[in-house]
Protein backbone atom coordinates (compact mmCIF):
# COMPACT_ATOMS: atom_id res chain seq x y z
CA UNK A 1 96.45 210.12 -4.98
CA UNK A 2 92.81 211.10 -4.30
CA UNK A 3 91.04 208.17 -2.52
CA UNK A 4 94.32 206.07 -2.22
CA UNK A 5 96.41 208.35 0.08
CA UNK A 6 96.29 205.75 2.82
CA UNK A 7 99.02 203.90 0.76
CA UNK A 8 101.59 206.47 1.76
CA UNK A 9 102.21 207.47 5.49
CA UNK A 10 105.25 209.84 4.94
CA UNK A 11 107.91 210.63 2.61
CA UNK A 12 108.90 207.75 0.14
CA UNK A 13 111.96 208.47 -2.10
CA UNK A 14 114.42 206.62 -4.22
CA UNK A 15 117.97 206.43 -2.72
CA UNK A 16 119.70 209.59 -4.44
CA UNK A 17 122.82 208.99 -6.47
CA UNK A 18 125.27 211.40 -4.92
CA UNK A 19 126.86 212.64 -8.24
CA UNK A 20 123.54 213.15 -10.03
CA UNK A 21 121.34 216.30 -9.61
CA UNK A 22 118.30 214.05 -9.96
CA UNK A 23 116.67 212.01 -7.17
CA UNK A 24 114.03 210.08 -9.04
CA UNK A 25 110.51 209.81 -7.89
CA UNK A 26 109.27 211.09 -4.42
CA UNK A 27 105.96 210.47 -2.77
CA UNK A 28 105.18 213.10 -0.05
CA UNK A 29 102.23 213.04 2.22
CA UNK A 30 101.17 216.67 3.18
CA UNK A 31 99.69 217.72 6.49
CA UNK A 32 96.32 217.77 4.76
CA UNK A 33 96.63 214.18 4.01
CA UNK A 34 97.09 214.63 0.20
CA UNK A 35 99.89 212.66 -1.42
CA UNK A 36 102.01 214.46 -4.18
CA UNK A 37 104.23 212.39 -6.41
CA UNK A 38 106.66 213.71 -8.81
CA UNK A 39 110.17 213.56 -10.41
CA UNK A 40 112.67 215.63 -8.52
CA UNK A 41 114.56 217.24 -11.37
CA UNK A 42 113.13 218.40 -14.62
CA UNK A 43 114.46 221.60 -16.23
CA UNK A 44 112.15 224.51 -15.64
CA UNK A 45 111.54 227.12 -18.37
CA UNK A 46 110.92 229.66 -15.55
CA UNK A 47 112.27 230.31 -12.11
CA UNK A 48 108.69 230.74 -11.01
CA UNK A 49 107.45 227.89 -13.38
CA UNK A 50 104.76 226.08 -11.38
CA UNK A 51 102.74 225.20 -14.60
CA UNK A 52 103.92 223.68 -17.70
CA UNK A 53 103.00 226.71 -19.70
CA UNK A 54 105.04 229.11 -17.57
CA UNK A 55 107.97 230.27 -19.72
CA UNK A 56 110.29 233.17 -19.11
CA UNK A 57 112.49 233.88 -22.10
CA UNK A 58 114.82 235.83 -19.79
CA UNK A 59 115.35 232.76 -17.58
CA UNK A 60 115.69 230.37 -20.59
CA UNK A 61 118.31 232.71 -22.06
CA UNK A 62 120.16 232.97 -18.79
CA UNK A 63 120.27 229.08 -18.44
CA UNK A 64 121.28 228.63 -22.17
CA UNK A 65 124.04 231.26 -21.89
CA UNK A 66 125.71 229.73 -18.83
CA UNK A 67 128.45 227.26 -19.60
CA UNK A 68 128.04 225.33 -16.40
CA UNK A 69 124.43 224.41 -17.48
CA UNK A 70 125.70 222.96 -20.70
CA UNK A 71 128.60 221.10 -19.00
CA UNK A 72 126.17 219.61 -16.30
CA UNK A 73 123.58 218.64 -19.11
CA UNK A 74 126.32 216.93 -21.18
CA UNK A 75 127.60 215.00 -18.21
CA UNK A 76 124.14 213.74 -17.21
CA UNK A 77 122.33 213.69 -20.54
CA UNK A 78 121.05 210.10 -20.37
CA UNK A 79 119.71 210.24 -16.85
CA UNK A 80 118.34 213.68 -17.44
CA UNK A 81 116.46 212.72 -20.62
CA UNK A 82 114.80 209.80 -18.70
CA UNK A 83 113.63 212.23 -15.94
CA UNK A 84 112.17 214.54 -18.75
CA UNK A 85 110.56 211.63 -20.40
CA UNK A 86 109.05 210.40 -17.18
CA UNK A 87 107.63 213.91 -16.53
CA UNK A 88 105.90 213.93 -20.00
CA UNK A 89 104.94 210.30 -20.63
CA UNK A 90 102.37 209.10 -17.98
CA UNK A 91 103.05 205.29 -18.53
CA UNK A 92 106.69 205.76 -18.06
CA UNK A 93 106.00 207.87 -14.85
CA UNK A 94 103.65 205.27 -13.51
CA UNK A 95 106.35 202.49 -14.10
CA UNK A 96 108.83 204.39 -12.15
CA UNK A 97 106.44 205.11 -9.29
CA UNK A 98 105.34 201.49 -9.13
CA UNK A 99 108.85 200.37 -8.25
CA UNK A 100 108.18 202.23 -4.92
CA UNK A 101 104.51 201.71 -4.67
CA UNK A 102 103.40 198.57 -6.65
CA UNK A 103 99.70 199.18 -5.68
CA UNK A 104 99.54 202.34 -7.73
CA UNK A 105 97.28 202.45 -10.71
CA UNK A 106 97.44 204.93 -13.56
CA UNK A 107 94.08 206.21 -12.72
CA UNK A 108 95.09 207.10 -9.15
CA UNK A 109 97.37 209.96 -10.70
CA UNK A 110 96.02 213.43 -11.37
CA UNK A 111 97.82 216.51 -12.33
CA UNK A 112 99.02 218.98 -9.71
CA UNK A 113 101.09 222.13 -9.71
CA UNK A 114 104.96 221.56 -9.72
CA UNK A 115 107.44 222.54 -7.10
CA UNK A 116 110.46 224.50 -8.09
CA UNK A 117 113.81 223.51 -6.46
CA UNK A 118 116.72 225.67 -7.59
CA UNK A 119 120.05 224.09 -7.88
CA UNK A 120 123.28 226.02 -7.85
CA UNK A 121 125.51 224.91 -10.66
CA UNK A 122 129.03 226.05 -10.89
CA UNK A 123 130.90 227.06 -14.02
CA UNK A 124 132.43 223.72 -14.24
CA UNK A 125 128.97 222.05 -14.48
CA UNK A 126 129.20 220.53 -10.90
CA UNK A 127 126.53 221.20 -8.32
CA UNK A 128 126.83 222.82 -5.07
CA UNK A 129 126.09 220.17 -2.61
CA UNK A 130 125.62 222.23 0.54
CA UNK A 131 124.07 225.51 1.73
CA UNK A 132 126.02 228.60 0.32
CA UNK A 133 125.69 232.01 1.55
CA UNK A 134 126.69 235.37 0.34
CA UNK A 135 126.51 238.83 2.02
CA UNK A 136 125.71 242.06 0.09
CA UNK A 137 125.65 244.67 2.64
CA UNK A 138 122.89 243.91 5.14
CA UNK A 139 121.29 241.29 2.70
CA UNK A 140 122.20 237.56 3.21
CA UNK A 141 121.63 235.59 -0.05
CA UNK A 142 121.08 231.87 0.43
CA UNK A 143 122.47 230.52 -2.96
CA UNK A 144 121.76 226.84 -2.68
CA UNK A 145 119.25 224.75 -0.69
CA UNK A 146 119.96 221.09 -1.88
CA UNK A 147 117.20 219.67 0.26
CA UNK A 148 113.67 221.02 0.29
CA UNK A 149 113.58 220.18 4.07
CA UNK A 150 116.23 222.82 4.57
CA UNK A 151 113.92 225.54 3.78
CA UNK A 152 111.83 224.51 6.81
CA UNK A 153 114.67 223.69 9.18
CA UNK A 154 114.51 225.63 12.39
CA UNK A 155 118.11 224.78 13.21
CA UNK A 156 119.41 226.34 10.01
CA UNK A 157 117.05 229.36 10.61
CA UNK A 158 118.51 229.67 14.08
CA UNK A 159 122.12 229.43 12.75
CA UNK A 160 121.46 232.09 10.16
CA UNK A 161 120.05 234.44 12.66
CA UNK A 162 122.83 233.92 15.22
CA UNK A 163 125.95 233.46 13.26
CA UNK A 164 125.66 235.22 9.92
């Protein structure tokens, strides 16, 4: 929101629906004062896909070959299609953002790099809804971080360093 960042003073987010992997639109004011706005769950075509053109055939094959991804997609098809449409069609995206920020104008929005948030999907198509860990020798794997805030949580870091 260049020139309009005063409209957002912190994090503004739709109330998430607990049984859905999508959280709708979020507006986040960074420490630099910039405001980033985006949908929270659009399938990525690469685990490191920060741009629309980032595609990893290996990652796509892995997703398409995993039954849990198909089950989750089938269970959430309508809502997921809406999230995808909002990410591709600017007027639809603007309408969804204006529910939270009525002062927003289409010309206020400019493209920015995407964030990537991995969601752990189980074989049955349900999402892991909490932090999950696995040890492999001296390596501790964090398999799921359902909240981006958890990646910066000092309490979680302290717990990992002390107890795991």
